[in-house]
Amino acid sequence: MAGLFMPYIIGLLVVLLLLLLLREVNCWYWKINRVIELLSQIQKDLAEIKQSIKQEEHL
């Protein structure tokens, strides 16, 4: 009985692997990963600016 489902399981794993690979290619093509990196850096920079403004206000 387990042998009956084995081709379906293998096929499902192959499809999932292809979807993961295609996702990475799509993200690379549209530069989504780079955009996320830049937005994270902007967020860190803004947090530093906010902190420095708060410190200046307390002086």
N, C-alpha and C. Protein backbone atom coordinates (compact mmCIF):
# COMPACT_ATOMS: atom_id res chain seq x y z
N MET A 1 0.83 -1.20 0.00
CA MET A 1 0.00 0.00 0.00
C MET A 1 0.87 1.26 0.00
N ALA A 2 1.98 1.22 0.77
CA ALA A 2 2.87 2.39 0.83
C ALA A 2 3.51 2.64 -0.52
N GLY A 3 3.77 1.59 -1.29
CA GLY A 3 4.36 1.75 -2.61
C GLY A 3 3.44 2.46 -3.57
N LEU A 4 2.15 2.41 -3.32
CA LEU A 4 1.16 3.05 -4.17
C LEU A 4 1.25 4.57 -4.06
N PHE A 5 1.56 5.07 -2.90
CA PHE A 5 1.61 6.52 -2.67
C PHE A 5 2.99 7.12 -2.90
N MET A 6 4.02 6.28 -3.03
CA MET A 6 5.38 6.76 -3.15
C MET A 6 5.57 7.71 -4.35
N PRO A 7 5.04 7.41 -5.54
CA PRO A 7 5.21 8.35 -6.65
C PRO A 7 4.57 9.71 -6.38
N TYR A 8 3.45 9.72 -5.68
CA TYR A 8 2.78 10.98 -5.35
C TYR A 8 3.61 11.79 -4.35
N ILE A 9 4.18 11.11 -3.39
CA ILE A 9 5.01 11.79 -2.39
C ILE A 9 6.25 12.38 -3.05
N ILE A 10 6.90 11.60 -3.91
CA ILE A 10 8.09 12.09 -4.61
C ILE A 10 7.72 13.26 -5.52
N GLY A 11 6.60 13.13 -6.22
CA GLY A 11 6.14 14.22 -7.09
C GLY A 11 5.85 15.49 -6.30
N LEU A 12 5.24 15.35 -5.14
CA LEU A 12 4.95 16.50 -4.30
C LEU A 12 6.22 17.16 -3.82
N LEU A 13 7.21 16.37 -3.44
CA LEU A 13 8.49 16.93 -2.99
C LEU A 13 9.20 17.66 -4.13
N VAL A 14 9.13 17.11 -5.34
CA VAL A 14 9.75 17.76 -6.49
C VAL A 14 9.06 19.09 -6.78
N VAL A 15 7.74 19.11 -6.72
CA VAL A 15 6.99 20.35 -6.97
C VAL A 15 7.33 21.39 -5.91
N LEU A 16 7.41 21.00 -4.65
CA LEU A 16 7.75 21.94 -3.59
C LEU A 16 9.15 22.50 -3.78
N LEU A 17 10.09 21.65 -4.17
CA LEU A 17 11.45 22.10 -4.42
C LEU A 17 11.49 23.10 -5.58
N LEU A 18 10.76 22.81 -6.63
CA LEU A 18 10.69 23.73 -7.77
C LEU A 18 10.08 25.07 -7.37
N LEU A 19 9.04 25.04 -6.56
CA LEU A 19 8.43 26.29 -6.11
C LEU A 19 9.40 27.13 -5.29
N LEU A 20 10.18 26.48 -4.43
CA LEU A 20 11.16 27.21 -3.64
C LEU A 20 12.23 27.83 -4.53
N LEU A 21 12.71 27.07 -5.51
CA LEU A 21 13.72 27.60 -6.42
C LEU A 21 13.17 28.75 -7.26
N LEU A 22 11.97 28.59 -7.75
CA LEU A 22 11.37 29.65 -8.56
C LEU A 22 11.11 30.91 -7.73
N ARG A 23 10.79 30.73 -6.47
CA ARG A 23 10.58 31.89 -5.59
C ARG A 23 11.87 32.68 -5.47
N GLU A 24 12.98 31.99 -5.25
CA GLU A 24 14.26 32.68 -5.13
C GLU A 24 14.63 33.41 -6.42
N VAL A 25 14.39 32.78 -7.55
CA VAL A 25 14.68 33.42 -8.84
C VAL A 25 13.80 34.65 -9.01
N ASN A 26 12.54 34.54 -8.66
CA ASN A 26 11.61 35.66 -8.78
C ASN A 26 12.02 36.81 -7.86
N CYS A 27 12.39 36.49 -6.64
CA CYS A 27 12.84 37.53 -5.70
C CYS A 27 14.12 38.19 -6.21
N TRP A 28 15.02 37.41 -6.77
CA TRP A 28 16.25 37.97 -7.31
C TRP A 28 15.94 38.88 -8.49
N TYR A 29 15.06 38.45 -9.37
CA TYR A 29 14.75 39.22 -10.56
C TYR A 29 14.13 40.57 -10.19
N TRP A 30 13.21 40.56 -9.30
CA TRP A 30 12.53 41.81 -8.92
C TRP A 30 13.27 42.55 -7.82
N LYS A 31 14.43 42.06 -7.42
CA LYS A 31 15.29 42.69 -6.42
C LYS A 31 14.60 42.84 -5.06
N ILE A 32 13.72 41.93 -4.75
CA ILE A 32 12.97 42.01 -3.50
C ILE A 32 13.90 41.85 -2.31
N ASN A 33 14.85 40.92 -2.40
CA ASN A 33 15.77 40.71 -1.29
C ASN A 33 16.58 41.98 -1.01
N ARG A 34 17.01 42.67 -2.05
CA ARG A 34 17.79 43.90 -1.88
C ARG A 34 16.93 44.99 -1.26
N VAL A 35 15.69 45.07 -1.68
CA VAL A 35 14.77 46.07 -1.13
C VAL A 35 14.58 45.83 0.37
N ILE A 36 14.44 44.58 0.75
CA ILE A 36 14.28 44.25 2.17
C ILE A 36 15.51 44.66 2.96
N GLU A 37 16.70 44.40 2.40
CA GLU A 37 17.94 44.80 3.08
C GLU A 37 18.00 46.31 3.25
N LEU A 38 17.65 47.04 2.19
CA LEU A 38 17.69 48.51 2.26
C LEU A 38 16.68 49.05 3.26
N LEU A 39 15.48 48.48 3.28
CA LEU A 39 14.47 48.94 4.23
C LEU A 39 14.90 48.66 5.67
N SER A 40 15.54 47.53 5.88
CA SER A 40 16.04 47.21 7.22
C SER A 40 17.11 48.21 7.65
N GLN A 41 18.00 48.56 6.74
CA GLN A 41 19.05 49.54 7.05
C GLN A 41 18.44 50.91 7.33
N ILE A 42 17.45 51.30 6.55
CA ILE A 42 16.77 52.58 6.78
C ILE A 42 16.12 52.58 8.16
N GLN A 43 15.50 51.47 8.53
CA GLN A 43 14.85 51.38 9.83
C GLN A 43 15.88 51.53 10.97
N LYS A 44 17.03 50.90 10.82
CA LYS A 44 18.08 51.03 11.83
C LYS A 44 18.59 52.47 11.91
N ASP A 45 18.80 53.08 10.75
CA ASP A 45 19.28 54.47 10.72
C ASP A 45 18.28 55.42 11.38
N LEU A 46 17.00 55.22 11.09
CA LEU A 46 15.98 56.08 11.69
C LEU A 46 15.90 55.89 13.21
N ALA A 47 16.10 54.66 13.66
CA ALA A 47 16.10 54.41 15.10
C ALA A 47 17.27 55.13 15.76
N GLU A 48 18.43 55.14 15.10
CA GLU A 48 19.59 55.87 15.64
C GLU A 48 19.33 57.37 15.67
N ILE A 49 18.73 57.90 14.63
CA ILE A 49 18.41 59.33 14.58
C ILE A 49 17.42 59.69 15.68
N LYS A 50 16.42 58.85 15.85
CA LYS A 50 15.42 59.08 16.89
C LYS A 50 16.07 59.08 18.27
N GLN A 51 16.97 58.14 18.48
CA GLN A 51 17.66 58.06 19.77
C GLN A 51 18.51 59.30 20.01
N SER A 52 19.20 59.77 18.99
CA SER A 52 20.04 60.95 19.17
C SER A 52 19.20 62.19 19.41
N ILE A 53 18.03 62.27 18.79
CA ILE A 53 17.15 63.41 19.03
C ILE A 53 16.64 63.38 20.47
N LYS A 54 16.29 62.20 20.96
CA LYS A 54 15.82 62.09 22.35
C LYS A 54 16.92 62.50 23.31
N GLN A 55 18.16 62.12 23.03
CA GLN A 55 19.26 62.49 23.91
C GLN A 55 19.48 63.99 23.90
N GLU A 56 19.36 64.63 22.74
CA GLU A 56 19.52 66.07 22.65
C GLU A 56 18.42 66.82 23.38
N GLU A 57 17.21 66.27 23.38
CA GLU A 57 16.10 66.90 24.07
C GLU A 57 16.29 66.88 25.58
N HIS A 58 16.96 65.87 26.08
CA HIS A 58 17.17 65.75 27.52
C HIS A 58 18.30 66.67 28.01
N LEU A 59 19.04 67.26 27.12
CA LEU A 59 20.14 68.12 27.54
C LEU A 59 19.69 69.47 27.95
